[in-house]
Amino acid sequence: MIDEKLKTFATETQAKYIDAINEHGNATKAAKALGVVHSSIGRSMASLRKSAAIRGYSPEHDWTRAVPETHVAKGVSTYYDKDGSRAGQWVKADLKQEAYNDLVKAAIERFVENVPRLDVPAAPLDPQDDIIPWIQIGDAHIGMLAHAAEVGENFDLKIAARELCCAIGALIDELPPCKRLVVNDLGDATHYDNLDAVTAASGHALDADGRLHKMLDVYVDTMRFVVEKALTKAEHLDVIINQGNHSRVNDFWMPRLLRACYGHTGRVHVLPNENVFIGYRMGKTLVMVHHSDKCPPARLVGVMTSDFKKDFGETDFHYIDTGHVHHHFVSKEYPGVVIESWNHLAANDKWAHESGYRSRKSISVVYRSKTYGDVGRRVLPIEAVRDLVGASAKPSKKVFTA
């Protein structure tokens, strides 16, 4: 039986599951009665209990005093009398970031239960199989605001979406039909992930364009364009969204949204990103990706050889892709492993500009062979992107023919 008080924290779907379990006796019979998969009810109930516990309600642990919906339980102290009965309880509430992230994850899981499934383009004919192109999306910082008078160039939501979509669209148009394609978002796709437009760790104010909801609309539309454009050239698309220090909350929900919208196609595969170190094995080639805001390059090889030691030992070519620093570098300090950081297209914000950070702006496709490792790349500099944007904005000349 399920505790009826959990309905206080439940969505409409979760409340329906509770009623069905209590009516039919267990989750298996409830799933059969509702016509849903048994594991869906199990995951939903686990998510509900976790959400309730974060709010301070977990009766199996004698936590019975929930905090307001806007808060999380920072600490619960229960004291007992000599007979072992509960005599009193102190509950401390706070907006702790880690717990807030867990709440966001749980909310996302509930939200995507009823997300519509989207149609996708037909798969290309006769795709090549050995080479898997990697589209390396450096820190896009959608939602960042920059003024030319302060930093030398303008940047806002419209510019970010226009340049990113134009660049990725052009790179995909150049690709041959392929069996697989990887879109690798190296983190910080969005400039901020909260209503206050501040860094989650330190609370520093960020230069933000527009409201959070406007930025999220642009981010969702951009990702939808990237996914559906990629499927015009790839039979299967693998999407990697790294956790960035600016975008971490958004990086939790975007993979779930993509799975809900495109998972039914069997062609869009979004890699789990709960672990900030993500491994990708392709034949004799192993790639590890990581935003690298906390773990510097000097330690990444140790992480790769430890966390993915079986795949490392069975492969010949090893690559580590990172973001965060915005400039391009290749480190060959360690035999057999190439660590590479990838450029981005975004302008510098005022803080980065005044701190003296400078980097070439570009976006790249890396051609990685399952048999031979890195066999080539295409770099599209920001100047070429802007020329493409300008050309597409010019009105076409009308030609009259009799």
Protein backbone atom coordinates (compact mmCIF):
# COMPACT_ATOMS: atom_id res chain seq x y z
CA MET A 1 0.00 0.00 0.00
CA ILE A 2 1.13 3.56 -0.73
CA ASP A 3 0.89 6.35 1.84
CA GLU A 4 -2.05 8.56 0.79
CA LYS A 5 -0.26 11.63 2.19
CA LEU A 6 2.25 11.35 -0.66
CA LYS A 7 -0.47 12.81 -2.88
CA THR A 8 0.42 16.17 -1.35
CA PHE A 9 3.67 16.02 -3.34
CA ALA A 10 2.36 14.12 -6.37
CA THR A 11 1.47 15.11 -9.90
CA GLU A 12 -1.89 14.10 -11.34
CA THR A 13 -0.28 11.03 -12.95
CA GLN A 14 1.48 10.00 -9.75
CA ALA A 15 -1.72 10.41 -7.75
CA LYS A 16 -3.46 8.14 -10.28
CA TYR A 17 -0.72 5.54 -9.78
CA ILE A 18 -1.15 5.72 -5.99
CA ASP A 19 -4.90 5.12 -6.28
CA ALA A 20 -4.37 2.20 -8.66
CA ILE A 21 -1.75 0.54 -6.45
CA ASN A 22 -3.93 0.90 -3.37
CA GLU A 23 -6.97 -0.40 -5.23
CA HIS A 24 -5.31 -3.42 -6.86
CA GLY A 25 -2.81 -4.30 -4.16
CA ASN A 26 0.55 -3.83 -5.87
CA ALA A 27 2.33 -2.00 -8.70
CA THR A 28 2.26 -4.97 -11.08
CA LYS A 29 -1.52 -5.29 -10.96
CA ALA A 30 -1.91 -1.50 -11.08
CA ALA A 31 0.23 -1.30 -14.24
CA LYS A 32 -1.87 -4.02 -15.90
CA ALA A 33 -5.10 -2.22 -14.98
CA LEU A 34 -3.84 1.12 -16.28
CA GLY A 35 -2.22 -0.32 -19.39
CA VAL A 36 1.22 1.06 -18.62
CA VAL A 37 4.67 -0.48 -18.22
CA HIS A 38 5.36 -1.72 -14.69
CA SER A 39 8.77 0.02 -14.60
CA SER A 40 7.13 3.38 -15.35
CA ILE A 41 5.11 3.17 -12.13
CA GLY A 42 8.19 2.08 -10.18
CA ARG A 43 10.29 4.98 -11.45
CA SER A 44 7.46 7.45 -10.89
CA MET A 45 6.92 6.32 -7.28
CA ALA A 46 10.67 6.43 -6.56
CA SER A 47 10.82 9.95 -7.96
CA LEU A 48 7.81 10.95 -5.83
CA ARG A 49 9.34 9.59 -2.62
CA LYS A 50 12.58 11.42 -3.35
CA SER A 51 10.75 14.69 -3.99
CA ALA A 52 8.79 14.27 -0.76
CA ALA A 53 11.95 13.47 1.25
CA ILE A 54 13.68 16.56 -0.09
CA ARG A 55 10.69 18.50 1.23
CA GLY A 56 11.05 16.77 4.62
CA TYR A 57 8.38 14.06 4.37
CA SER A 58 9.61 10.47 4.70
CA PRO A 59 7.52 8.66 7.34
CA GLU A 60 9.64 5.49 7.22
CA HIS A 61 12.42 7.66 8.65
CA ASP A 62 10.06 9.46 11.07
CA TRP A 63 10.13 12.61 8.91
CA THR A 64 6.56 13.86 9.01
CA ARG A 65 6.81 17.66 8.92
CA ALA A 66 7.13 18.92 5.35
CA VAL A 67 8.67 22.30 4.53
CA PRO A 68 7.02 24.76 2.08
CA GLU A 69 7.12 23.95 -1.62
CA THR A 70 9.66 26.73 -2.25
CA HIS A 71 12.17 25.16 0.17
CA VAL A 72 14.00 21.93 0.84
CA ALA A 73 14.69 20.24 4.14
CA LYS A 74 18.20 21.27 5.13
CA GLY A 75 18.19 19.06 8.18
CA VAL A 76 15.83 16.99 10.32
CA SER A 77 16.65 16.24 13.97
CA THR A 78 14.40 13.78 15.75
CA TYR A 79 14.70 12.96 19.44
CA TYR A 80 13.07 10.02 21.24
CA ASP A 81 11.97 9.25 24.80
CA LYS A 82 13.27 6.36 26.89
CA ASP A 83 10.71 4.00 25.30
CA GLY A 84 11.93 4.79 21.80
CA SER A 85 8.89 6.84 20.88
CA ARG A 86 9.39 10.07 19.04
CA ALA A 87 9.30 12.96 21.52
CA GLY A 88 10.01 15.91 19.23
CA GLN A 89 11.56 17.04 16.01
CA TRP A 90 13.43 20.03 14.60
CA VAL A 91 13.22 20.76 10.86
CA LYS A 92 15.54 23.25 9.15
CA ALA A 93 14.63 24.52 5.68
CA ASP A 94 16.87 26.03 3.01
CA LEU A 95 17.23 26.37 -0.76
CA LYS A 96 20.27 24.09 -0.97
CA GLN A 97 21.63 23.94 -4.52
CA GLU A 98 22.24 20.19 -4.70
CA ALA A 99 18.77 19.40 -3.40
CA TYR A 100 17.32 22.04 -5.71
CA ASN A 101 19.00 20.27 -8.64
CA ASP A 102 17.40 17.00 -7.51
CA LEU A 103 14.02 18.69 -7.38
CA VAL A 104 14.57 20.01 -10.89
CA LYS A 105 15.44 16.51 -12.12
CA ALA A 106 12.31 15.07 -10.53
CA ALA A 107 10.19 17.85 -12.00
CA ILE A 108 11.66 17.17 -15.42
CA GLU A 109 10.82 13.47 -15.19
CA ARG A 110 7.22 14.36 -14.37
CA PHE A 111 7.04 17.03 -17.07
CA VAL A 112 8.19 14.82 -19.94
CA GLU A 113 5.63 12.11 -19.22
CA ASN A 114 3.24 13.74 -21.69
CA VAL A 115 5.60 15.50 -24.11
CA PRO A 116 4.46 15.05 -27.73
CA ARG A 117 6.51 12.88 -30.06
CA LEU A 118 7.99 14.80 -32.98
CA ASP A 119 8.31 13.71 -36.59
CA VAL A 120 11.81 13.55 -38.08
CA PRO A 121 13.24 13.52 -41.63
CA ALA A 122 13.68 10.22 -43.43
CA ALA A 123 17.02 8.46 -42.98
CA PRO A 124 19.57 8.99 -45.79
CA LEU A 125 20.16 6.24 -48.34
CA ASP A 126 23.43 4.27 -48.60
CA PRO A 127 25.24 5.82 -45.59
CA GLN A 128 28.96 5.18 -45.01
CA ASP A 129 29.71 3.36 -41.77
CA ASP A 130 33.38 3.65 -40.71
CA ILE A 131 33.67 7.40 -40.15
CA ILE A 132 31.52 9.04 -37.47
CA PRO A 133 31.56 12.85 -37.74
CA TRP A 134 31.64 14.75 -34.45
CA ILE A 135 30.11 18.23 -34.42
CA GLN A 136 31.93 19.98 -31.57
CA ILE A 137 29.71 22.70 -30.07
CA GLY A 138 31.95 24.78 -27.84
CA ASP A 139 30.40 26.84 -25.04
CA ALA A 140 27.49 28.50 -26.90
CA HIS A 141 26.42 30.78 -24.01
CA ILE A 142 22.92 31.31 -25.40
CA GLY A 143 21.39 34.13 -23.37
CA MET A 144 24.60 36.11 -22.91
CA LEU A 145 24.57 39.86 -23.70
CA ALA A 146 27.52 41.81 -25.06
CA HIS A 147 27.80 45.34 -26.48
CA ALA A 148 30.27 46.27 -29.21
CA ALA A 149 31.16 49.52 -27.42
CA GLU A 150 32.38 47.49 -24.43
CA VAL A 151 33.83 44.29 -25.91
CA GLY A 152 34.18 44.96 -29.64
CA GLU A 153 31.17 42.97 -30.87
CA ASN A 154 27.49 42.53 -30.17
CA PHE A 155 25.92 39.33 -28.90
CA ASP A 156 22.38 38.48 -27.81
CA LEU A 157 19.74 35.77 -28.16
CA LYS A 158 19.04 36.47 -31.83
CA ILE A 159 22.71 36.56 -32.80
CA ALA A 160 23.47 33.37 -30.83
CA ALA A 161 20.66 31.37 -32.46
CA ARG A 162 21.27 32.77 -35.95
CA GLU A 163 25.03 32.12 -36.00
CA LEU A 164 24.89 28.73 -34.29
CA CYS A 165 22.11 27.35 -36.50
CA CYS A 166 23.68 28.77 -39.65
CA ALA A 167 27.09 27.29 -38.79
CA ILE A 168 25.81 23.84 -37.84
CA GLY A 169 23.45 23.78 -40.82
CA ALA A 170 26.32 24.57 -43.19
CA LEU A 171 28.58 21.91 -41.67
CA ILE A 172 25.85 19.26 -41.88
CA ASP A 173 25.08 20.16 -45.50
CA GLU A 174 28.71 19.35 -46.34
CA LEU A 175 28.60 15.90 -44.71
CA PRO A 176 28.17 12.72 -46.74
CA PRO A 177 25.35 10.39 -45.69
CA CYS A 178 26.57 8.52 -42.61
CA LYS A 179 25.44 5.66 -40.42
CA ARG A 180 26.10 7.65 -37.22
CA LEU A 181 26.72 11.27 -36.32
CA VAL A 182 27.64 12.75 -32.94
CA VAL A 183 26.50 16.18 -31.74
CA ASN A 184 28.78 17.00 -28.81
CA ASP A 185 27.58 19.93 -26.69
CA LEU A 186 30.66 20.55 -24.56
CA GLY A 187 28.73 22.43 -21.86
CA ASP A 188 27.53 25.95 -21.13
CA ALA A 189 25.11 25.90 -24.05
CA THR A 190 23.20 28.47 -22.01
CA HIS A 191 24.79 31.40 -20.20
CA TYR A 192 22.71 30.96 -17.04
CA ASP A 193 20.19 28.50 -15.61
CA ASN A 194 18.14 30.44 -13.05
CA LEU A 195 15.71 33.33 -12.74
CA ASP A 196 18.30 35.67 -11.23
CA ALA A 197 20.87 35.17 -14.04
CA VAL A 198 23.67 34.55 -11.55
CA THR A 199 26.27 31.81 -11.24
CA ALA A 200 24.92 28.99 -9.08
CA ALA A 201 28.19 28.45 -7.22
CA SER A 202 29.12 32.02 -6.28
CA GLY A 203 26.08 34.17 -7.05
CA HIS A 204 27.97 36.46 -9.46
CA ALA A 205 25.67 38.50 -11.70
CA LEU A 206 25.90 37.60 -15.40
CA ASP A 207 25.28 39.75 -18.48
CA ALA A 208 21.97 38.29 -19.64
CA ASP A 209 19.74 39.05 -22.61
CA GLY A 210 16.06 38.81 -21.80
CA ARG A 211 14.18 36.71 -19.30
CA LEU A 212 14.86 33.07 -18.50
CA HIS A 213 11.78 31.85 -20.37
CA LYS A 214 12.86 33.70 -23.54
CA MET A 215 16.32 32.18 -23.37
CA LEU A 216 14.89 28.68 -22.84
CA ASP A 217 12.62 29.11 -25.88
CA VAL A 218 15.64 29.95 -28.03
CA TYR A 219 17.64 27.06 -26.56
CA VAL A 220 14.87 24.52 -27.23
CA ASP A 221 14.30 25.79 -30.77
CA THR A 222 18.04 25.68 -31.49
CA MET A 223 18.41 22.11 -30.24
CA ARG A 224 15.38 21.02 -32.22
CA PHE A 225 16.90 22.53 -35.37
CA VAL A 226 20.24 20.79 -34.73
CA VAL A 227 18.66 17.37 -34.12
CA GLU A 228 16.32 17.45 -37.11
CA LYS A 229 18.98 18.89 -39.43
CA ALA A 230 21.45 16.18 -38.38
CA LEU A 231 18.93 13.46 -39.17
CA THR A 232 18.90 14.54 -42.83
CA LYS A 233 22.44 13.14 -43.13
CA ALA A 234 22.62 10.49 -40.41
CA GLU A 235 20.72 7.26 -39.92
CA HIS A 236 21.49 7.49 -36.19
CA LEU A 237 22.26 10.58 -34.14
CA ASP A 238 24.07 10.40 -30.80
CA VAL A 239 23.64 13.52 -28.66
CA ILE A 240 26.02 14.33 -25.80
CA ILE A 241 25.18 17.19 -23.45
CA ASN A 242 27.98 17.84 -20.99
CA GLN A 243 27.26 19.46 -17.65
CA GLY A 244 28.56 23.04 -17.76
CA ASN A 245 29.14 25.33 -14.80
CA HIS A 246 26.87 28.02 -16.31
CA SER A 247 24.18 25.67 -17.60
CA ARG A 248 24.04 22.69 -15.23
CA VAL A 249 20.30 22.75 -14.44
CA ASN A 250 19.42 23.15 -18.13
CA ASP A 251 21.82 20.32 -18.91
CA PHE A 252 19.72 18.06 -16.68
CA TRP A 253 16.42 18.62 -18.44
CA MET A 254 17.46 18.95 -22.08
CA PRO A 255 18.53 15.26 -22.45
CA ARG A 256 15.23 14.15 -20.96
CA LEU A 257 13.26 16.44 -23.24
CA LEU A 258 15.09 15.14 -26.32
CA ARG A 259 14.50 11.52 -25.28
CA ALA A 260 10.80 12.22 -24.77
CA CYS A 261 10.43 14.01 -28.12
CA TYR A 262 12.59 11.80 -30.33
CA GLY A 263 13.15 8.51 -28.51
CA HIS A 264 10.28 6.83 -30.33
CA THR A 265 12.11 7.20 -33.67
CA GLY A 266 14.82 4.73 -32.70
CA ARG A 267 17.30 7.07 -34.41
CA VAL A 268 18.05 9.69 -31.72
CA HIS A 269 20.16 8.43 -28.84
CA VAL A 270 20.90 10.83 -25.96
CA LEU A 271 23.76 9.66 -23.77
CA PRO A 272 23.29 9.75 -19.97
CA ASN A 273 25.08 12.75 -18.44
CA GLU A 274 24.57 12.28 -14.70
CA ASN A 275 28.29 11.39 -14.60
CA VAL A 276 30.32 14.41 -15.76
CA PHE A 277 32.82 12.06 -17.46
CA ILE A 278 31.21 10.49 -20.52
CA GLY A 279 32.84 7.72 -22.55
CA TYR A 280 32.09 6.88 -26.18
CA ARG A 281 33.53 3.70 -27.75
CA MET A 282 33.61 3.37 -31.54
CA GLY A 283 35.58 0.36 -32.76
CA LYS A 284 39.29 0.91 -32.12
CA THR A 285 38.63 4.52 -31.06
CA LEU A 286 37.71 5.73 -27.56
CA VAL A 287 36.56 9.28 -26.81
CA MET A 288 35.93 10.80 -23.37
CA VAL A 289 34.15 14.14 -23.07
CA HIS A 290 34.05 16.52 -20.11
CA HIS A 291 33.36 20.24 -19.65
CA SER A 292 36.53 20.53 -17.51
CA ASP A 293 35.49 23.34 -15.17
CA LYS A 294 36.66 21.35 -12.14
CA CYS A 295 38.98 18.65 -13.46
CA PRO A 296 41.98 20.17 -15.30
CA PRO A 297 43.55 18.51 -18.36
CA ALA A 298 46.49 17.21 -16.31
CA ARG A 299 44.13 14.84 -14.45
CA LEU A 300 41.87 13.84 -17.33
CA VAL A 301 44.09 11.07 -18.68
CA GLY A 302 44.06 9.42 -15.25
CA VAL A 303 40.28 9.62 -15.20
CA MET A 304 40.03 8.10 -18.67
CA THR A 305 42.39 5.20 -17.97
CA SER A 306 40.73 4.50 -14.62
CA ASP A 307 37.02 4.95 -15.36
CA PHE A 308 37.12 3.39 -18.84
CA LYS A 309 40.09 1.04 -18.41
CA LYS A 310 38.53 -1.93 -20.23
CA ASP A 311 37.66 0.15 -23.30
CA PHE A 312 41.00 1.96 -23.07
CA GLY A 313 42.88 -1.32 -23.13
CA GLU A 314 40.90 -2.64 -26.08
CA THR A 315 41.32 0.47 -28.29
CA ASP A 316 44.24 2.05 -30.18
CA PHE A 317 43.16 5.69 -30.52
CA HIS A 318 42.23 7.83 -27.51
CA TYR A 319 40.78 11.35 -27.44
CA ILE A 320 39.50 13.65 -24.69
CA ASP A 321 37.26 16.56 -25.73
CA THR A 322 36.76 19.51 -23.36
CA GLY A 323 35.15 22.94 -23.34
CA HIS A 324 35.08 25.67 -20.67
CA VAL A 325 38.22 27.63 -21.58
CA HIS A 326 36.79 28.82 -24.95
CA HIS A 327 40.13 28.66 -26.76
CA HIS A 328 41.58 25.79 -28.74
CA PHE A 329 44.46 23.75 -27.44
CA VAL A 330 45.90 20.30 -28.04
CA SER A 331 47.84 18.60 -25.26
CA LYS A 332 50.17 15.72 -26.16
CA GLU A 333 51.81 15.39 -22.76
CA TYR A 334 50.63 11.81 -22.35
CA PRO A 335 51.50 9.05 -24.85
CA GLY A 336 48.54 7.62 -26.67
CA VAL A 337 45.98 10.28 -25.57
CA VAL A 338 45.13 13.55 -27.31
CA ILE A 339 43.39 16.11 -25.10
CA GLU A 340 41.71 18.88 -27.06
CA SER A 341 39.69 21.94 -26.12
CA TRP A 342 37.30 23.35 -28.70
CA ASN A 343 36.55 26.94 -29.70
CA HIS A 344 33.14 28.52 -29.50
CA LEU A 345 31.23 31.12 -31.55
CA ALA A 346 29.99 33.40 -28.75
CA ALA A 347 31.43 36.82 -28.01
CA ASN A 348 33.22 37.47 -24.73
CA ASP A 349 31.08 38.96 -22.02
CA LYS A 350 32.29 42.15 -20.30
CA TRP A 351 34.01 40.27 -17.47
CA ALA A 352 35.98 37.99 -19.82
CA HIS A 353 36.89 40.89 -22.11
CA GLU A 354 38.18 43.07 -19.29
CA SER A 355 40.06 40.11 -17.80
CA GLY A 356 42.06 39.86 -21.02
CA TYR A 357 40.66 36.58 -22.36
CA ARG A 358 40.92 36.28 -26.13
CA SER A 359 40.37 33.34 -28.47
CA ARG A 360 39.64 32.59 -32.09
CA LYS A 361 35.97 31.89 -32.65
CA SER A 362 35.02 28.87 -34.74
CA ILE A 363 33.08 25.61 -34.83
CA SER A 364 34.44 22.27 -36.01
CA VAL A 365 33.49 18.85 -37.31
CA VAL A 366 35.98 16.08 -36.52
CA TYR A 367 35.97 13.01 -38.74
CA ARG A 368 36.73 10.01 -36.51
CA SER A 369 37.16 6.58 -37.98
CA LYS A 370 36.27 3.46 -36.03
CA THR A 371 39.37 1.87 -37.61
CA TYR A 372 41.94 4.68 -37.84
CA GLY A 373 40.96 7.31 -35.26
CA ASP A 374 41.00 11.03 -36.18
CA VAL A 375 41.27 11.26 -39.98
CA GLY A 376 40.39 14.91 -40.58
CA ARG A 377 38.35 17.93 -39.62
CA ARG A 378 36.52 20.93 -40.99
CA VAL A 379 36.86 24.24 -39.17
CA LEU A 380 34.34 26.98 -39.86
CA PRO A 381 35.59 30.34 -38.49
CA ILE A 382 33.20 33.00 -37.22
CA GLU A 383 34.05 35.24 -40.19
CA ALA A 384 32.80 32.57 -42.60
CA VAL A 385 29.70 32.04 -40.47
CA ARG A 386 28.89 35.74 -40.60
CA ASP A 387 29.40 35.79 -44.36
CA LEU A 388 26.92 32.91 -44.63
CA VAL A 389 24.45 34.73 -42.38
CA GLY A 390 24.82 37.89 -44.48
CA ALA A 391 24.35 36.00 -47.74
CA SER A 392 21.20 34.30 -46.50
CA ALA A 393 19.78 37.63 -45.37
CA LYS A 394 20.16 39.28 -48.79
CA PRO A 395 16.99 39.27 -50.90
CA SER A 396 17.28 37.14 -54.03
CA LYS A 397 17.09 38.87 -57.39
CA LYS A 398 13.89 38.19 -59.27
CA VAL A 399 14.44 37.15 -62.88
CA PHE A 400 11.61 37.57 -65.37
CA THR A 401 11.36 34.96 -68.08
CA ALA A 402 8.84 35.04 -70.87
